[in-house]
């Protein structure tokens, strides 16, 4: 029978695999699309609906806060440590595994875009939904957006408030000890 410690080690190893694979996929697609698209016209995938278009985004989502590179790097570092802390705190019970996966994909996306900002000073975006004139985005953005939505759905509809007692368990135990 596997112990909780053993299961936690396996879950953390899987988290690391997801993060590393996610970063690798994100960085590979950005490099490939840069070689394919930089200084060239957009490539239609589905005419007037979806195209590949090289953009250097020096801001955040939707191009907001242009030129605030240091701000984004600091925020990314905070998010990195927060997610790693949460991954280490999550119980090994089966119901928390979806949270492990979601947090790992968010971390991969955040790190993928942070690598771009750190190395290039901008994030490479290349997926453009022309039909709705949606801002150009990349694989890391997909990881962050889709799994943040999934995380919100999990928290709102799948978990109960007491499922997150592990986050304040130490404080609750300390209060119980003080009250005795």
N, C-alpha and C. Protein backbone atom coordinates (compact mmCIF):
# COMPACT_ATOMS: atom_id res chain seq x y z
N UNK A 1 0.84 -1.19 0.00
CA UNK A 1 0.00 0.00 0.00
C UNK A 1 0.88 1.24 0.00
N UNK A 2 0.53 2.21 -0.82
CA UNK A 2 1.33 3.43 -0.91
C UNK A 2 0.92 4.37 0.22
N UNK A 3 1.92 4.99 0.81
CA UNK A 3 1.65 5.94 1.89
C UNK A 3 1.31 7.31 1.30
N UNK A 4 0.75 8.18 2.13
CA UNK A 4 0.44 9.54 1.69
C UNK A 4 1.70 10.27 1.22
N UNK A 5 2.82 10.03 1.93
CA UNK A 5 4.08 10.68 1.54
C UNK A 5 4.49 10.23 0.15
N UNK A 6 4.35 8.95 -0.12
CA UNK A 6 4.71 8.40 -1.43
C UNK A 6 3.79 8.97 -2.52
N UNK A 7 2.51 9.02 -2.24
CA UNK A 7 1.55 9.58 -3.20
C UNK A 7 1.85 11.06 -3.45
N UNK A 8 2.17 11.81 -2.39
CA UNK A 8 2.54 13.22 -2.56
C UNK A 8 3.76 13.38 -3.46
N UNK A 9 4.74 12.52 -3.30
CA UNK A 9 5.94 12.58 -4.13
C UNK A 9 5.59 12.30 -5.59
N UNK A 10 4.72 11.34 -5.82
CA UNK A 10 4.30 11.03 -7.19
C UNK A 10 3.54 12.21 -7.79
N UNK A 11 2.62 12.79 -7.00
CA UNK A 11 1.85 13.95 -7.50
C UNK A 11 2.76 15.12 -7.82
N UNK A 12 3.72 15.40 -6.98
CA UNK A 12 4.65 16.50 -7.24
C UNK A 12 5.51 16.23 -8.46
N UNK A 13 5.89 14.96 -8.66
CA UNK A 13 6.65 14.60 -9.87
C UNK A 13 5.78 14.82 -11.11
N UNK A 14 4.51 14.43 -11.03
CA UNK A 14 3.60 14.66 -12.16
C UNK A 14 3.39 16.15 -12.40
N UNK A 15 3.28 16.92 -11.32
CA UNK A 15 3.17 18.38 -11.46
C UNK A 15 4.37 18.93 -12.23
N UNK A 16 5.56 18.47 -11.84
CA UNK A 16 6.78 18.94 -12.50
C UNK A 16 6.80 18.55 -13.97
N UNK A 17 6.34 17.35 -14.28
CA UNK A 17 6.30 16.90 -15.67
C UNK A 17 5.35 17.78 -16.48
N UNK A 18 4.18 18.08 -15.92
CA UNK A 18 3.21 18.95 -16.61
C UNK A 18 3.82 20.33 -16.85
N UNK A 19 4.45 20.89 -15.82
CA UNK A 19 5.04 22.23 -15.94
C UNK A 19 6.15 22.23 -16.99
N UNK A 20 7.06 21.28 -16.90
CA UNK A 20 8.18 21.24 -17.85
C UNK A 20 7.69 21.00 -19.27
N UNK A 21 6.76 20.05 -19.45
CA UNK A 21 6.21 19.78 -20.79
C UNK A 21 5.44 20.99 -21.32
N UNK A 22 4.68 21.65 -20.44
CA UNK A 22 3.93 22.84 -20.86
C UNK A 22 4.85 23.97 -21.29
N UNK A 23 5.89 24.22 -20.51
CA UNK A 23 6.86 25.26 -20.88
C UNK A 23 7.54 24.89 -22.20
N UNK A 24 7.94 23.64 -22.34
CA UNK A 24 8.61 23.20 -23.57
C UNK A 24 7.71 23.39 -24.79
N UNK A 25 6.44 22.98 -24.67
CA UNK A 25 5.50 23.16 -25.79
C UNK A 25 5.32 24.64 -26.12
N UNK A 26 5.14 25.45 -25.09
CA UNK A 26 4.96 26.89 -25.30
C UNK A 26 6.18 27.50 -25.99
N UNK A 27 7.36 27.21 -25.48
CA UNK A 27 8.58 27.80 -26.04
C UNK A 27 8.85 27.29 -27.45
N UNK A 28 8.58 26.01 -27.69
CA UNK A 28 8.78 25.46 -29.02
C UNK A 28 7.85 26.13 -30.03
N UNK A 29 6.56 26.27 -29.66
CA UNK A 29 5.61 26.89 -30.60
C UNK A 29 5.99 28.34 -30.88
N UNK A 30 6.45 29.05 -29.86
CA UNK A 30 6.85 30.45 -30.06
C UNK A 30 8.06 30.55 -30.98
N UNK A 31 9.04 29.67 -30.77
CA UNK A 31 10.23 29.68 -31.63
C UNK A 31 9.85 29.32 -33.07
N UNK A 32 9.05 28.28 -33.22
CA UNK A 32 8.62 27.84 -34.54
C UNK A 32 7.84 28.94 -35.26
N UNK A 33 6.89 29.55 -34.56
CA UNK A 33 6.06 30.59 -35.17
C UNK A 33 6.88 31.85 -35.46
N UNK A 34 7.87 32.13 -34.64
CA UNK A 34 8.75 33.28 -34.91
C UNK A 34 9.48 33.04 -36.23
N UNK A 35 10.04 31.85 -36.42
CA UNK A 35 10.74 31.53 -37.67
C UNK A 35 9.79 31.55 -38.86
N UNK A 36 8.59 31.09 -38.66
CA UNK A 36 7.61 31.00 -39.73
C UNK A 36 6.99 32.35 -40.09
N UNK A 37 6.74 33.20 -39.07
CA UNK A 37 5.88 34.36 -39.28
C UNK A 37 6.54 35.74 -39.16
N UNK A 38 7.66 35.84 -38.46
CA UNK A 38 8.23 37.16 -38.19
C UNK A 38 8.54 37.90 -39.49
N UNK A 39 8.12 39.14 -39.54
CA UNK A 39 8.31 40.01 -40.71
C UNK A 39 7.60 39.50 -41.96
N UNK A 40 6.57 38.70 -41.76
CA UNK A 40 5.78 38.17 -42.88
C UNK A 40 4.31 38.43 -42.63
N UNK A 41 3.49 38.41 -43.69
CA UNK A 41 2.05 38.60 -43.47
C UNK A 41 1.42 37.42 -42.73
N UNK A 42 0.28 37.68 -42.13
CA UNK A 42 -0.46 36.64 -41.40
C UNK A 42 -0.79 35.47 -42.33
N UNK A 43 -0.85 34.28 -41.74
CA UNK A 43 -1.17 33.06 -42.49
C UNK A 43 -2.57 32.60 -42.11
N UNK A 44 -3.52 32.67 -43.05
CA UNK A 44 -4.87 32.21 -42.72
C UNK A 44 -4.92 30.69 -42.54
N UNK A 45 -5.57 30.27 -41.47
CA UNK A 45 -5.81 28.84 -41.23
C UNK A 45 -7.21 28.50 -41.69
N UNK A 46 -8.18 29.33 -41.25
CA UNK A 46 -9.55 29.26 -41.72
C UNK A 46 -9.90 30.68 -42.17
N UNK A 47 -10.08 30.88 -43.45
CA UNK A 47 -10.26 32.21 -44.03
C UNK A 47 -11.26 33.06 -43.26
N UNK A 48 -10.82 34.26 -42.89
CA UNK A 48 -11.61 35.26 -42.17
C UNK A 48 -12.07 34.82 -40.77
N UNK A 49 -11.51 33.71 -40.28
CA UNK A 49 -11.88 33.24 -38.94
C UNK A 49 -10.66 33.12 -38.05
N UNK A 50 -9.68 32.32 -38.47
CA UNK A 50 -8.51 32.05 -37.65
C UNK A 50 -7.25 32.19 -38.49
N UNK A 51 -6.26 32.91 -37.94
CA UNK A 51 -5.00 33.03 -38.65
C UNK A 51 -3.82 33.06 -37.68
N UNK A 52 -2.66 32.80 -38.21
CA UNK A 52 -1.42 32.89 -37.45
C UNK A 52 -0.77 34.22 -37.81
N UNK A 53 -0.49 35.02 -36.79
CA UNK A 53 0.04 36.37 -37.01
C UNK A 53 1.05 36.68 -35.90
N UNK A 54 2.28 36.96 -36.26
CA UNK A 54 3.35 37.22 -35.29
C UNK A 54 3.17 38.60 -34.65
N UNK A 55 3.13 38.60 -33.31
CA UNK A 55 3.02 39.86 -32.56
C UNK A 55 3.98 39.80 -31.38
N UNK A 56 4.69 40.90 -31.14
CA UNK A 56 5.53 41.03 -29.95
C UNK A 56 4.75 41.85 -28.93
N UNK A 57 4.25 41.18 -27.91
CA UNK A 57 3.40 41.81 -26.90
C UNK A 57 4.27 42.25 -25.72
N UNK A 58 4.39 43.54 -25.53
CA UNK A 58 5.18 44.09 -24.43
C UNK A 58 4.30 44.45 -23.23
N UNK A 59 3.05 44.02 -23.29
CA UNK A 59 2.12 44.29 -22.21
C UNK A 59 1.58 43.00 -21.62
N UNK A 60 0.40 43.12 -21.03
CA UNK A 60 -0.27 41.96 -20.43
C UNK A 60 -1.35 41.48 -21.39
N UNK A 61 -2.33 40.79 -20.84
CA UNK A 61 -3.44 40.31 -21.65
C UNK A 61 -4.07 41.48 -22.40
N UNK A 62 -4.39 41.22 -23.64
CA UNK A 62 -5.02 42.21 -24.52
C UNK A 62 -4.13 43.44 -24.73
N UNK A 63 -2.82 43.30 -24.50
CA UNK A 63 -1.88 44.39 -24.74
C UNK A 63 -1.92 45.50 -23.71
N UNK A 64 -2.58 45.27 -22.58
CA UNK A 64 -2.66 46.30 -21.53
C UNK A 64 -1.29 46.48 -20.87
N UNK A 65 -1.08 47.64 -20.29
CA UNK A 65 0.12 47.94 -19.51
C UNK A 65 1.40 47.72 -20.31
N UNK A 66 1.44 48.24 -21.51
CA UNK A 66 2.62 48.10 -22.36
C UNK A 66 3.87 48.62 -21.66
N UNK A 67 4.97 47.90 -21.81
CA UNK A 67 6.27 48.35 -21.32
C UNK A 67 6.49 48.17 -19.82
N UNK A 68 5.63 47.47 -19.13
CA UNK A 68 5.77 47.28 -17.67
C UNK A 68 6.43 45.93 -17.37
N UNK A 69 7.52 45.63 -18.05
CA UNK A 69 8.19 44.33 -17.99
C UNK A 69 8.55 43.92 -16.55
N UNK A 70 9.18 44.78 -15.80
CA UNK A 70 9.59 44.45 -14.43
C UNK A 70 8.37 44.12 -13.58
N UNK A 71 7.30 44.89 -13.73
CA UNK A 71 6.06 44.64 -13.00
C UNK A 71 5.57 43.22 -13.26
N UNK A 72 5.56 42.80 -14.53
CA UNK A 72 5.07 41.47 -14.88
C UNK A 72 5.99 40.37 -14.35
N UNK A 73 7.28 40.61 -14.37
CA UNK A 73 8.23 39.62 -13.86
C UNK A 73 8.03 39.45 -12.35
N UNK A 74 7.85 40.55 -11.63
CA UNK A 74 7.63 40.48 -10.18
C UNK A 74 6.32 39.73 -9.88
N UNK A 75 5.26 40.09 -10.59
CA UNK A 75 3.97 39.41 -10.41
C UNK A 75 4.12 37.91 -10.71
N UNK A 76 4.84 37.57 -11.77
CA UNK A 76 5.04 36.17 -12.12
C UNK A 76 5.81 35.42 -11.04
N UNK A 77 6.79 36.05 -10.44
CA UNK A 77 7.55 35.41 -9.36
C UNK A 77 6.64 35.15 -8.17
N UNK A 78 5.80 36.12 -7.83
CA UNK A 78 4.84 35.95 -6.72
C UNK A 78 3.88 34.80 -7.04
N UNK A 79 3.34 34.78 -8.26
CA UNK A 79 2.43 33.71 -8.68
C UNK A 79 3.14 32.36 -8.63
N UNK A 80 4.39 32.33 -9.09
CA UNK A 80 5.17 31.10 -9.06
C UNK A 80 5.25 30.54 -7.64
N UNK A 81 5.67 31.38 -6.68
CA UNK A 81 5.81 30.91 -5.31
C UNK A 81 4.46 30.54 -4.69
N UNK A 82 3.42 31.28 -5.00
CA UNK A 82 2.09 30.97 -4.48
C UNK A 82 1.61 29.61 -4.99
N UNK A 83 1.76 29.36 -6.28
CA UNK A 83 1.31 28.08 -6.84
C UNK A 83 2.14 26.93 -6.31
N UNK A 84 3.46 27.11 -6.23
CA UNK A 84 4.30 26.04 -5.68
C UNK A 84 3.90 25.76 -4.23
N UNK A 85 3.66 26.79 -3.45
CA UNK A 85 3.21 26.62 -2.06
C UNK A 85 1.90 25.83 -2.02
N UNK A 86 0.95 26.21 -2.88
CA UNK A 86 -0.33 25.49 -2.92
C UNK A 86 -0.14 24.03 -3.32
N UNK A 87 0.70 23.78 -4.32
CA UNK A 87 0.93 22.40 -4.75
C UNK A 87 1.53 21.56 -3.61
N UNK A 88 2.40 22.18 -2.83
CA UNK A 88 3.01 21.47 -1.71
C UNK A 88 2.01 21.24 -0.58
N UNK A 89 1.03 22.13 -0.43
CA UNK A 89 0.03 22.03 0.62
C UNK A 89 -1.14 21.11 0.28
N UNK A 90 -1.43 20.94 -1.01
CA UNK A 90 -2.59 20.15 -1.40
C UNK A 90 -2.51 18.73 -0.85
N UNK A 91 -3.59 18.26 -0.27
CA UNK A 91 -3.62 16.87 0.22
C UNK A 91 -3.47 15.88 -0.94
N UNK A 92 -3.08 14.67 -0.60
CA UNK A 92 -2.86 13.65 -1.63
C UNK A 92 -4.14 12.91 -2.02
N UNK A 93 -5.26 13.29 -1.42
CA UNK A 93 -6.53 12.63 -1.74
C UNK A 93 -6.88 12.82 -3.22
N UNK A 94 -7.57 11.84 -3.75
CA UNK A 94 -7.90 11.82 -5.18
C UNK A 94 -8.65 13.07 -5.64
N UNK A 95 -9.54 13.59 -4.79
CA UNK A 95 -10.36 14.74 -5.23
C UNK A 95 -9.54 16.00 -5.49
N UNK A 96 -8.31 16.06 -4.98
CA UNK A 96 -7.47 17.25 -5.18
C UNK A 96 -6.57 17.14 -6.41
N UNK A 97 -6.60 16.03 -7.09
CA UNK A 97 -5.70 15.84 -8.23
C UNK A 97 -6.03 16.78 -9.39
N UNK A 98 -7.30 17.10 -9.55
CA UNK A 98 -7.67 18.06 -10.60
C UNK A 98 -7.08 19.44 -10.29
N UNK A 99 -7.01 19.78 -9.02
CA UNK A 99 -6.38 21.05 -8.63
C UNK A 99 -4.89 21.02 -8.94
N UNK A 100 -4.25 19.89 -8.69
CA UNK A 100 -2.83 19.74 -9.04
C UNK A 100 -2.62 20.03 -10.53
N UNK A 101 -3.44 19.40 -11.34
CA UNK A 101 -3.30 19.55 -12.80
C UNK A 101 -3.54 21.01 -13.21
N UNK A 102 -4.61 21.60 -12.72
CA UNK A 102 -4.94 22.98 -13.08
C UNK A 102 -3.82 23.93 -12.66
N UNK A 103 -3.37 23.82 -11.42
CA UNK A 103 -2.30 24.71 -10.94
C UNK A 103 -1.01 24.50 -11.73
N UNK A 104 -0.74 23.27 -12.12
CA UNK A 104 0.47 22.99 -12.89
C UNK A 104 0.42 23.64 -14.27
N UNK A 105 -0.74 23.59 -14.92
CA UNK A 105 -0.87 24.23 -16.23
C UNK A 105 -0.80 25.76 -16.12
N UNK A 106 -1.40 26.32 -15.09
CA UNK A 106 -1.31 27.77 -14.88
C UNK A 106 0.15 28.16 -14.66
N UNK A 107 0.85 27.38 -13.86
CA UNK A 107 2.26 27.65 -13.60
C UNK A 107 3.08 27.54 -14.89
N UNK A 108 2.82 26.54 -15.70
CA UNK A 108 3.53 26.39 -16.98
C UNK A 108 3.30 27.60 -17.87
N UNK A 109 2.06 28.05 -17.96
CA UNK A 109 1.76 29.22 -18.79
C UNK A 109 2.42 30.48 -18.27
N UNK A 110 2.34 30.69 -16.97
CA UNK A 110 2.96 31.88 -16.38
C UNK A 110 4.47 31.87 -16.59
N UNK A 111 5.07 30.71 -16.40
CA UNK A 111 6.52 30.61 -16.58
C UNK A 111 6.92 30.76 -18.05
N UNK A 112 6.12 30.22 -18.95
CA UNK A 112 6.41 30.36 -20.38
C UNK A 112 6.45 31.81 -20.81
N UNK A 113 5.46 32.58 -20.38
CA UNK A 113 5.43 34.01 -20.74
C UNK A 113 6.51 34.79 -19.99
N UNK A 114 6.83 34.39 -18.76
CA UNK A 114 7.88 35.06 -18.00
C UNK A 114 9.25 34.83 -18.65
N UNK A 115 9.46 33.64 -19.16
CA UNK A 115 10.72 33.37 -19.87
C UNK A 115 10.86 34.33 -21.04
N UNK A 116 9.79 34.51 -21.81
CA UNK A 116 9.83 35.46 -22.94
C UNK A 116 10.15 36.87 -22.47
N UNK A 117 9.45 37.32 -21.43
CA UNK A 117 9.68 38.68 -20.94
C UNK A 117 11.11 38.86 -20.44
N UNK A 118 11.62 37.84 -19.75
CA UNK A 118 12.97 37.92 -19.22
C UNK A 118 14.03 37.92 -20.31
N UNK A 119 13.86 37.06 -21.30
CA UNK A 119 14.87 36.94 -22.36
C UNK A 119 14.73 37.97 -23.47
N UNK A 120 13.49 38.27 -23.85
CA UNK A 120 13.25 39.12 -25.03
C UNK A 120 12.74 40.51 -24.69
N UNK A 121 12.11 40.65 -23.52
CA UNK A 121 11.47 41.93 -23.20
C UNK A 121 10.04 41.99 -23.71
N UNK A 122 9.58 40.92 -24.32
CA UNK A 122 8.21 40.85 -24.84
C UNK A 122 7.79 39.38 -24.91
N UNK A 123 6.49 39.17 -25.08
CA UNK A 123 5.94 37.83 -25.23
C UNK A 123 5.53 37.66 -26.69
N UNK A 124 5.90 36.52 -27.26
CA UNK A 124 5.52 36.23 -28.65
C UNK A 124 4.10 35.67 -28.65
N UNK A 125 3.21 36.32 -29.39
CA UNK A 125 1.84 35.86 -29.59
C UNK A 125 1.66 35.57 -31.07
N UNK A 126 0.77 34.64 -31.40
CA UNK A 126 0.64 34.28 -32.82
C UNK A 126 -0.72 33.70 -33.23
N UNK A 127 -1.62 33.44 -32.30
CA UNK A 127 -2.94 32.88 -32.65
C UNK A 127 -3.95 34.03 -32.64
N UNK A 128 -4.63 34.21 -33.75
CA UNK A 128 -5.54 35.34 -33.88
C UNK A 128 -6.90 34.88 -34.43
N UNK A 129 -7.95 35.12 -33.63
CA UNK A 129 -9.32 34.86 -34.10
C UNK A 129 -9.83 36.13 -34.76
N UNK A 130 -9.67 36.17 -36.05
CA UNK A 130 -10.02 37.35 -36.84
C UNK A 130 -11.52 37.62 -36.83
N UNK A 131 -12.31 36.58 -36.82
CA UNK A 131 -13.77 36.73 -36.91
C UNK A 131 -14.33 37.59 -35.78
N UNK A 132 -13.72 37.51 -34.60
CA UNK A 132 -14.20 38.31 -33.46
C UNK A 132 -13.18 39.37 -33.05
N UNK A 133 -12.12 39.51 -33.85
CA UNK A 133 -11.05 40.46 -33.57
C UNK A 133 -10.54 40.32 -32.14
N UNK A 134 -10.36 39.06 -31.72
CA UNK A 134 -9.84 38.76 -30.38
C UNK A 134 -8.34 39.03 -30.37
N UNK A 135 -7.80 39.57 -29.26
CA UNK A 135 -6.35 39.83 -29.22
C UNK A 135 -5.54 38.57 -29.51
N UNK A 136 -4.40 38.77 -30.14
CA UNK A 136 -3.50 37.67 -30.50
C UNK A 136 -2.96 37.05 -29.21
N UNK A 137 -2.86 35.71 -29.17
CA UNK A 137 -2.41 35.03 -27.96
C UNK A 137 -1.51 33.86 -28.32
N UNK A 138 -1.07 33.10 -27.31
CA UNK A 138 -0.14 31.99 -27.53
C UNK A 138 -0.54 30.78 -26.68
N UNK A 139 0.27 29.73 -26.71
CA UNK A 139 -0.03 28.50 -25.98
C UNK A 139 -0.05 28.75 -24.48
N UNK A 140 0.91 29.54 -23.97
CA UNK A 140 0.94 29.84 -22.53
C UNK A 140 -0.36 30.53 -22.10
N UNK A 141 -0.84 31.44 -22.93
CA UNK A 141 -2.10 32.13 -22.62
C UNK A 141 -3.27 31.15 -22.57
N UNK A 142 -3.25 30.15 -23.45
CA UNK A 142 -4.29 29.12 -23.44
C UNK A 142 -4.23 28.35 -22.12
N UNK A 143 -3.02 27.94 -21.73
CA UNK A 143 -2.87 27.23 -20.45
C UNK A 143 -3.45 28.05 -19.30
N UNK A 144 -3.08 29.32 -19.24
CA UNK A 144 -3.51 30.18 -18.13
C UNK A 144 -5.02 30.40 -18.16
N UNK A 145 -5.56 30.77 -19.31
CA UNK A 145 -6.97 31.12 -19.42
C UNK A 145 -7.89 29.91 -19.22
N UNK A 146 -7.63 28.85 -19.95
CA UNK A 146 -8.50 27.68 -19.88
C UNK A 146 -8.45 27.05 -18.49
N UNK A 147 -7.25 26.89 -17.93
CA UNK A 147 -7.18 26.23 -16.63
C UNK A 147 -7.61 27.14 -15.49
N UNK A 148 -7.50 28.45 -15.64
CA UNK A 148 -8.04 29.34 -14.62
C UNK A 148 -9.57 29.23 -14.61
N UNK A 149 -10.18 29.16 -15.78
CA UNK A 149 -11.63 28.96 -15.87
C UNK A 149 -12.01 27.60 -15.25
N UNK A 150 -11.26 26.56 -15.59
CA UNK A 150 -11.49 25.23 -15.04
C UNK A 150 -11.33 25.24 -13.52
N UNK A 151 -10.31 25.93 -13.03
CA UNK A 151 -10.08 26.05 -11.59
C UNK A 151 -11.26 26.74 -10.91
N UNK A 152 -11.75 27.81 -11.52
CA UNK A 152 -12.90 28.53 -10.95
C UNK A 152 -14.13 27.62 -10.90
N UNK A 153 -14.36 26.86 -11.96
CA UNK A 153 -15.50 25.93 -11.97
C UNK A 153 -15.34 24.88 -10.88
N UNK A 154 -14.13 24.33 -10.75
CA UNK A 154 -13.88 23.33 -9.71
C UNK A 154 -14.17 23.91 -8.32
N UNK A 155 -13.64 25.10 -8.07
CA UNK A 155 -13.80 25.71 -6.75
C UNK A 155 -15.26 26.06 -6.47
N UNK A 156 -15.95 26.57 -7.47
CA UNK A 156 -17.33 26.99 -7.26
C UNK A 156 -18.33 25.84 -7.19
N UNK A 157 -18.11 24.78 -7.99
CA UNK A 157 -19.13 23.74 -8.11
C UNK A 157 -18.72 22.35 -7.64
N UNK A 158 -17.46 22.10 -7.48
CA UNK A 158 -17.01 20.76 -7.14
C UNK A 158 -16.58 20.66 -5.67
N UNK A 159 -15.91 21.68 -5.21
CA UNK A 159 -15.39 21.67 -3.84
C UNK A 159 -16.31 22.43 -2.89
N UNK A 160 -16.20 22.07 -1.63
CA UNK A 160 -16.92 22.78 -0.57
C UNK A 160 -15.91 23.60 0.22
N UNK A 161 -16.39 24.56 0.96
CA UNK A 161 -15.50 25.42 1.73
C UNK A 161 -14.58 24.61 2.65
N UNK A 162 -15.13 23.58 3.29
CA UNK A 162 -14.31 22.78 4.22
C UNK A 162 -13.23 21.97 3.52
N UNK A 163 -13.33 21.79 2.19
CA UNK A 163 -12.29 21.09 1.44
C UNK A 163 -10.98 21.88 1.43
N UNK A 164 -11.06 23.15 1.79
CA UNK A 164 -9.87 24.00 1.80
C UNK A 164 -9.39 24.30 3.21
N UNK A 165 -9.92 23.56 4.19
CA UNK A 165 -9.47 23.73 5.57
C UNK A 165 -7.99 23.41 5.73
N UNK A 166 -7.43 22.60 4.85
CA UNK A 166 -6.01 22.27 4.95
C UNK A 166 -5.13 23.52 4.84
N UNK A 167 -5.64 24.57 4.22
CA UNK A 167 -4.87 25.81 4.08
C UNK A 167 -4.75 26.56 5.41
N UNK A 168 -5.71 26.37 6.27
CA UNK A 168 -5.68 27.05 7.56
C UNK A 168 -5.62 26.06 8.72
N UNK A 169 -5.30 24.83 8.41
CA UNK A 169 -5.28 23.76 9.40
C UNK A 169 -4.40 24.09 10.60
N UNK A 170 -3.22 24.61 10.35
CA UNK A 170 -2.30 24.92 11.43
C UNK A 170 -2.88 26.00 12.34
N UNK A 171 -3.47 27.03 11.75
CA UNK A 171 -4.07 28.10 12.54
C UNK A 171 -5.23 27.58 13.37
N UNK A 172 -6.06 26.71 12.76
CA UNK A 172 -7.20 26.13 13.47
C UNK A 172 -6.69 25.29 14.63
N UNK A 173 -5.65 24.48 14.40
CA UNK A 173 -5.08 23.65 15.46
C UNK A 173 -4.52 24.52 16.58
N UNK A 174 -3.84 25.64 16.23
CA UNK A 174 -3.28 26.52 17.23
C UNK A 174 -4.39 27.13 18.09
N UNK A 175 -5.50 27.54 17.47
CA UNK A 175 -6.62 28.11 18.20
C UNK A 175 -7.25 27.08 19.13
N UNK A 176 -7.38 25.82 18.62
CA UNK A 176 -7.92 24.76 19.45
C UNK A 176 -7.04 24.52 20.67
N UNK A 177 -5.73 24.57 20.48
CA UNK A 177 -4.80 24.37 21.58
C UNK A 177 -4.90 25.49 22.59
N UNK A 178 -5.05 26.74 22.10
CA UNK A 178 -5.19 27.89 22.99
C UNK A 178 -6.47 27.81 23.81
N UNK A 179 -7.55 27.31 23.21
CA UNK A 179 -8.85 27.25 23.87
C UNK A 179 -8.92 26.17 24.94
N UNK A 180 -8.00 25.22 24.93
CA UNK A 180 -8.02 24.13 25.90
C UNK A 180 -7.35 24.46 27.17
